[in-house]
């Protein structure tokens, strides 16, 4: 299943029209709250992600790539998700540095499937680079990943 999803992501990215924008998205997330399992494990400590993001002119983006989970054990996973960005910048931090808000969600295919909603801000640090600051809540039928609150930062270039 994972190779099929990765192949679909590469195919979509390769055939993207010039109307949208394709960018690399690198992110790091750390657990702000992580429950203890009945076995006494504390589970996920942090997640590092390497994704490709395709943003449509309608302020909707789709991303996918690999995630590396650090915790009681090391895991890697295929991750796919989507975000909706505000049409106009929510704030102007400094002249020339806009900040958009976003909401979204995604799925990570770890040992157990993990679903997550996310919300955050995208800060335009240059004409080609963006800094994301976000929070997401991991949801799974497995105690290993369920009810984790992750705070993260990412760089799109």
C-alpha atoms as a PDB file:
ATOM      1  CA  UNK A   1       0.000   0.000   0.000  1.00  0.00           C
ATOM      2  CA  UNK A   2       2.790   2.442   0.908  1.00  0.00           C
ATOM      3  CA  UNK A   3       4.634   2.108  -2.428  1.00  0.00           C
ATOM      4  CA  UNK A   4       1.359   2.679  -4.268  1.00  0.00           C
ATOM      5  CA  UNK A   5       0.638   5.880  -2.331  1.00  0.00           C
ATOM      6  CA  UNK A   6       4.195   7.138  -2.851  1.00  0.00           C
ATOM      7  CA  UNK A   7       3.952   6.436  -6.586  1.00  0.00           C
ATOM      8  CA  UNK A   8       0.657   8.350  -6.752  1.00  0.00           C
ATOM      9  CA  UNK A   9       2.222  11.308  -4.935  1.00  0.00           C
ATOM     10  CA  UNK A  10       5.195  11.391  -7.318  1.00  0.00           C
ATOM     11  CA  UNK A  11       2.868  11.141 -10.333  1.00  0.00           C
ATOM     12  CA  UNK A  12       0.684  14.010  -9.112  1.00  0.00           C
ATOM     13  CA  UNK A  13       3.752  16.135  -8.319  1.00  0.00           C
ATOM     14  CA  UNK A  14       5.326  15.469 -11.708  1.00  0.00           C
ATOM     15  CA  UNK A  15       2.153  16.389 -13.611  1.00  0.00           C
ATOM     16  CA  UNK A  16       1.245  19.485 -11.581  1.00  0.00           C
ATOM     17  CA  UNK A  17       0.161  22.411 -13.686  1.00  0.00           C
ATOM     18  CA  UNK A  18       1.948  25.747 -13.772  1.00  0.00           C
ATOM     19  CA  UNK A  19      -1.015  27.368 -12.012  1.00  0.00           C
ATOM     20  CA  UNK A  20       0.064  26.025  -8.625  1.00  0.00           C
ATOM     21  CA  UNK A  21       3.322  25.948  -6.742  1.00  0.00           C
ATOM     22  CA  UNK A  22       5.439  22.930  -5.764  1.00  0.00           C
ATOM     23  CA  UNK A  23       7.758  23.299  -2.789  1.00  0.00           C
ATOM     24  CA  UNK A  24       9.784  21.228  -0.352  1.00  0.00           C
ATOM     25  CA  UNK A  25       8.460  21.128   3.207  1.00  0.00           C
ATOM     26  CA  UNK A  26      10.758  20.109   6.068  1.00  0.00           C
ATOM     27  CA  UNK A  27       9.324  20.062   9.593  1.00  0.00           C
ATOM     28  CA  UNK A  28      10.131  19.111  13.175  1.00  0.00           C
ATOM     29  CA  UNK A  29       7.484  18.373  15.806  1.00  0.00           C
ATOM     30  CA  UNK A  30       7.913  17.791  19.510  1.00  0.00           C
ATOM     31  CA  UNK A  31       5.384  16.289  21.902  1.00  0.00           C
ATOM     32  CA  UNK A  32       3.841  18.908  24.185  1.00  0.00           C
ATOM     33  CA  UNK A  33       1.603  16.275  25.802  1.00  0.00           C
ATOM     34  CA  UNK A  34       2.067  12.539  25.541  1.00  0.00           C
ATOM     35  CA  UNK A  35       0.057  10.116  27.605  1.00  0.00           C
ATOM     36  CA  UNK A  36       1.584   7.042  29.174  1.00  0.00           C
ATOM     37  CA  UNK A  37       0.397   3.711  27.814  1.00  0.00           C
ATOM     38  CA  UNK A  38      -0.919   1.002  30.146  1.00  0.00           C
ATOM     39  CA  UNK A  39       2.533  -0.610  29.780  1.00  0.00           C
ATOM     40  CA  UNK A  40       4.190   2.535  31.195  1.00  0.00           C
ATOM     41  CA  UNK A  41       5.728   3.728  27.914  1.00  0.00           C
ATOM     42  CA  UNK A  42       5.702   7.445  27.021  1.00  0.00           C
ATOM     43  CA  UNK A  43       5.661   6.813  23.264  1.00  0.00           C
ATOM     44  CA  UNK A  44       6.357   9.506  20.656  1.00  0.00           C
ATOM     45  CA  UNK A  45       8.939  12.155  21.584  1.00  0.00           C
ATOM     46  CA  UNK A  46       9.347  13.945  18.244  1.00  0.00           C
ATOM     47  CA  UNK A  47       8.667  13.631  14.525  1.00  0.00           C
ATOM     48  CA  UNK A  48      10.828  14.821  11.640  1.00  0.00           C
ATOM     49  CA  UNK A  49       9.151  15.163   8.234  1.00  0.00           C
ATOM     50  CA  UNK A  50      10.378  15.588   4.671  1.00  0.00           C
ATOM     51  CA  UNK A  51       7.511  16.336   2.288  1.00  0.00           C
ATOM     52  CA  UNK A  52       6.625  17.825  -1.078  1.00  0.00           C
ATOM     53  CA  UNK A  53       3.777  20.361  -1.049  1.00  0.00           C
ATOM     54  CA  UNK A  54       1.610  21.423  -3.965  1.00  0.00           C
ATOM     55  CA  UNK A  55      -0.364  24.635  -3.360  1.00  0.00           C
ATOM     56  CA  UNK A  56      -3.320  25.503  -5.564  1.00  0.00           C
ATOM     57  CA  UNK A  57      -4.255  29.114  -6.389  1.00  0.00           C
ATOM     58  CA  UNK A  58      -7.369  28.570  -4.220  1.00  0.00           C
ATOM     59  CA  UNK A  59      -5.145  28.522  -1.064  1.00  0.00           C
ATOM     60  CA  UNK A  60      -5.445  24.767  -0.659  1.00  0.00           C
ATOM     61  CA  UNK A  61      -2.324  22.651  -0.457  1.00  0.00           C
ATOM     62  CA  UNK A  62      -1.645  18.939  -0.566  1.00  0.00           C
ATOM     63  CA  UNK A  63       1.520  17.430   0.834  1.00  0.00           C
ATOM     64  CA  UNK A  64       3.077  14.037   1.217  1.00  0.00           C
ATOM     65  CA  UNK A  65       6.364  12.424   2.027  1.00  0.00           C
ATOM     66  CA  UNK A  66       8.249  10.619   4.752  1.00  0.00           C
ATOM     67  CA  UNK A  67       8.075  11.048   8.505  1.00  0.00           C
ATOM     68  CA  UNK A  68      10.567   9.738  11.029  1.00  0.00           C
ATOM     69  CA  UNK A  69       9.202   9.137  14.531  1.00  0.00           C
ATOM     70  CA  UNK A  70      11.523   9.219  17.539  1.00  0.00           C
ATOM     71  CA  UNK A  71      10.268   7.789  20.826  1.00  0.00           C
ATOM     72  CA  UNK A  72      10.370   4.455  22.616  1.00  0.00           C
ATOM     73  CA  UNK A  73      11.342   3.089  19.213  1.00  0.00           C
ATOM     74  CA  UNK A  74      12.365   4.635  15.875  1.00  0.00           C
ATOM     75  CA  UNK A  75       9.847   4.378  13.023  1.00  0.00           C
ATOM     76  CA  UNK A  76       9.383   5.801   9.572  1.00  0.00           C
ATOM     77  CA  UNK A  77       6.087   6.362   7.819  1.00  0.00           C
ATOM     78  CA  UNK A  78       4.417   7.698   4.731  1.00  0.00           C
ATOM     79  CA  UNK A  79       2.446  10.869   5.490  1.00  0.00           C
ATOM     80  CA  UNK A  80      -0.166  12.649   3.382  1.00  0.00           C
ATOM     81  CA  UNK A  81      -2.224  15.702   4.250  1.00  0.00           C
ATOM     82  CA  UNK A  82      -3.943  18.869   3.166  1.00  0.00           C
ATOM     83  CA  UNK A  83      -4.143  22.454   4.413  1.00  0.00           C
ATOM     84  CA  UNK A  84      -6.396  25.429   3.762  1.00  0.00           C
ATOM     85  CA  UNK A  85      -4.677  28.812   4.061  1.00  0.00           C
ATOM     86  CA  UNK A  86      -6.376  32.159   4.663  1.00  0.00           C
ATOM     87  CA  UNK A  87      -6.826  34.086   1.406  1.00  0.00           C
ATOM     88  CA  UNK A  88      -5.175  37.218   2.752  1.00  0.00           C
ATOM     89  CA  UNK A  89      -2.476  37.482   5.390  1.00  0.00           C
ATOM     90  CA  UNK A  90      -3.931  37.332   8.901  1.00  0.00           C
ATOM     91  CA  UNK A  91      -1.207  39.632  10.255  1.00  0.00           C
ATOM     92  CA  UNK A  92       1.688  41.711   9.041  1.00  0.00           C
ATOM     93  CA  UNK A  93       4.549  41.116  11.507  1.00  0.00           C
ATOM     94  CA  UNK A  94       6.991  43.576   9.963  1.00  0.00           C
ATOM     95  CA  UNK A  95       6.834  45.385   6.626  1.00  0.00           C
ATOM     96  CA  UNK A  96       7.144  42.719   3.931  1.00  0.00           C
ATOM     97  CA  UNK A  97       6.631  39.757   6.303  1.00  0.00           C
ATOM     98  CA  UNK A  98       3.030  38.522   5.995  1.00  0.00           C
ATOM     99  CA  UNK A  99       1.544  35.762   8.140  1.00  0.00           C
ATOM    100  CA  UNK A 100      -1.306  33.487   6.973  1.00  0.00           C
ATOM    101  CA  UNK A 101      -3.341  31.190   9.204  1.00  0.00           C
ATOM    102  CA  UNK A 102      -4.165  27.615   8.195  1.00  0.00           C
ATOM    103  CA  UNK A 103      -6.142  24.557   9.224  1.00  0.00           C
ATOM    104  CA  UNK A 104      -5.693  21.074   7.883  1.00  0.00           C
ATOM    105  CA  UNK A 105      -5.374  17.413   8.541  1.00  0.00           C
ATOM    106  CA  UNK A 106      -3.523  14.345   7.486  1.00  0.00           C
ATOM    107  CA  UNK A 107      -2.745  10.678   7.861  1.00  0.00           C
ATOM    108  CA  UNK A 108       0.503   8.944   8.814  1.00  0.00           C
ATOM    109  CA  UNK A 109       0.884   5.253   8.039  1.00  0.00           C
ATOM    110  CA  UNK A 110       2.959   4.040  11.000  1.00  0.00           C
ATOM    111  CA  UNK A 111       2.564   0.595  12.613  1.00  0.00           C
ATOM    112  CA  UNK A 112      -0.982   1.825  13.202  1.00  0.00           C
ATOM    113  CA  UNK A 113      -2.713   4.473  11.097  1.00  0.00           C
ATOM    114  CA  UNK A 114      -2.598   7.909  12.743  1.00  0.00           C
ATOM    115  CA  UNK A 115      -5.013  10.717  11.819  1.00  0.00           C
ATOM    116  CA  UNK A 116      -4.440  14.308  12.869  1.00  0.00           C
ATOM    117  CA  UNK A 117      -6.024  17.740  12.621  1.00  0.00           C
ATOM    118  CA  UNK A 118      -3.623  20.676  12.564  1.00  0.00           C
ATOM    119  CA  UNK A 119      -3.757  24.459  12.826  1.00  0.00           C
ATOM    120  CA  UNK A 120      -1.075  27.095  12.614  1.00  0.00           C
ATOM    121  CA  UNK A 121       0.511  30.047  10.897  1.00  0.00           C
ATOM    122  CA  UNK A 122       2.688  30.380   7.789  1.00  0.00           C
ATOM    123  CA  UNK A 123       5.117  33.302   7.890  1.00  0.00           C
ATOM    124  CA  UNK A 124       6.576  34.660   4.654  1.00  0.00           C
ATOM    125  CA  UNK A 125      10.271  35.088   5.519  1.00  0.00           C
ATOM    126  CA  UNK A 126      11.347  35.706   1.895  1.00  0.00           C
ATOM    127  CA  UNK A 127       9.948  35.584  -1.635  1.00  0.00           C
ATOM    128  CA  UNK A 128      10.603  31.836  -1.863  1.00  0.00           C
ATOM    129  CA  UNK A 129      10.698  30.626   1.765  1.00  0.00           C
ATOM    130  CA  UNK A 130       7.975  30.242   4.369  1.00  0.00           C
ATOM    131  CA  UNK A 131       8.157  29.315   8.054  1.00  0.00           C
ATOM    132  CA  UNK A 132       5.297  27.242   9.490  1.00  0.00           C
ATOM    133  CA  UNK A 133       4.421  27.157  13.195  1.00  0.00           C
ATOM    134  CA  UNK A 134       1.670  24.685  14.054  1.00  0.00           C
ATOM    135  CA  UNK A 135      -0.005  22.384  16.544  1.00  0.00           C
ATOM    136  CA  UNK A 136      -1.491  18.979  15.749  1.00  0.00           C
ATOM    137  CA  UNK A 137      -3.269  16.284  17.745  1.00  0.00           C
ATOM    138  CA  UNK A 138      -2.501  12.667  16.901  1.00  0.00           C
ATOM    139  CA  UNK A 139      -5.459  10.258  16.929  1.00  0.00           C
ATOM    140  CA  UNK A 140      -5.172   6.497  16.591  1.00  0.00           C
ATOM    141  CA  UNK A 141      -6.773   3.289  17.757  1.00  0.00           C
ATOM    142  CA  UNK A 142      -3.367   2.392  19.243  1.00  0.00           C
ATOM    143  CA  UNK A 143      -2.295   3.689  22.679  1.00  0.00           C
ATOM    144  CA  UNK A 144       1.193   4.198  21.251  1.00  0.00           C
ATOM    145  CA  UNK A 145       0.136   7.210  19.152  1.00  0.00           C
ATOM    146  CA  UNK A 146      -3.254   8.307  20.482  1.00  0.00           C
ATOM    147  CA  UNK A 147      -3.840  11.637  22.257  1.00  0.00           C
ATOM    148  CA  UNK A 148      -0.429  13.168  21.553  1.00  0.00           C
ATOM    149  CA  UNK A 149      -0.325  16.964  21.192  1.00  0.00           C
ATOM    150  CA  UNK A 150       2.534  17.960  18.908  1.00  0.00           C
ATOM    151  CA  UNK A 151       3.956  21.467  18.497  1.00  0.00           C
ATOM    152  CA  UNK A 152       6.092  21.999  15.447  1.00  0.00           C
ATOM    153  CA  UNK A 153       7.879  24.245  13.020  1.00  0.00           C
ATOM    154  CA  UNK A 154       8.548  23.763   9.358  1.00  0.00           C
ATOM    155  CA  UNK A 155      10.348  25.408   6.477  1.00  0.00           C
ATOM    156  CA  UNK A 156       8.984  25.539   2.936  1.00  0.00           C
ATOM    157  CA  UNK A 157      11.359  26.438   0.139  1.00  0.00           C
END
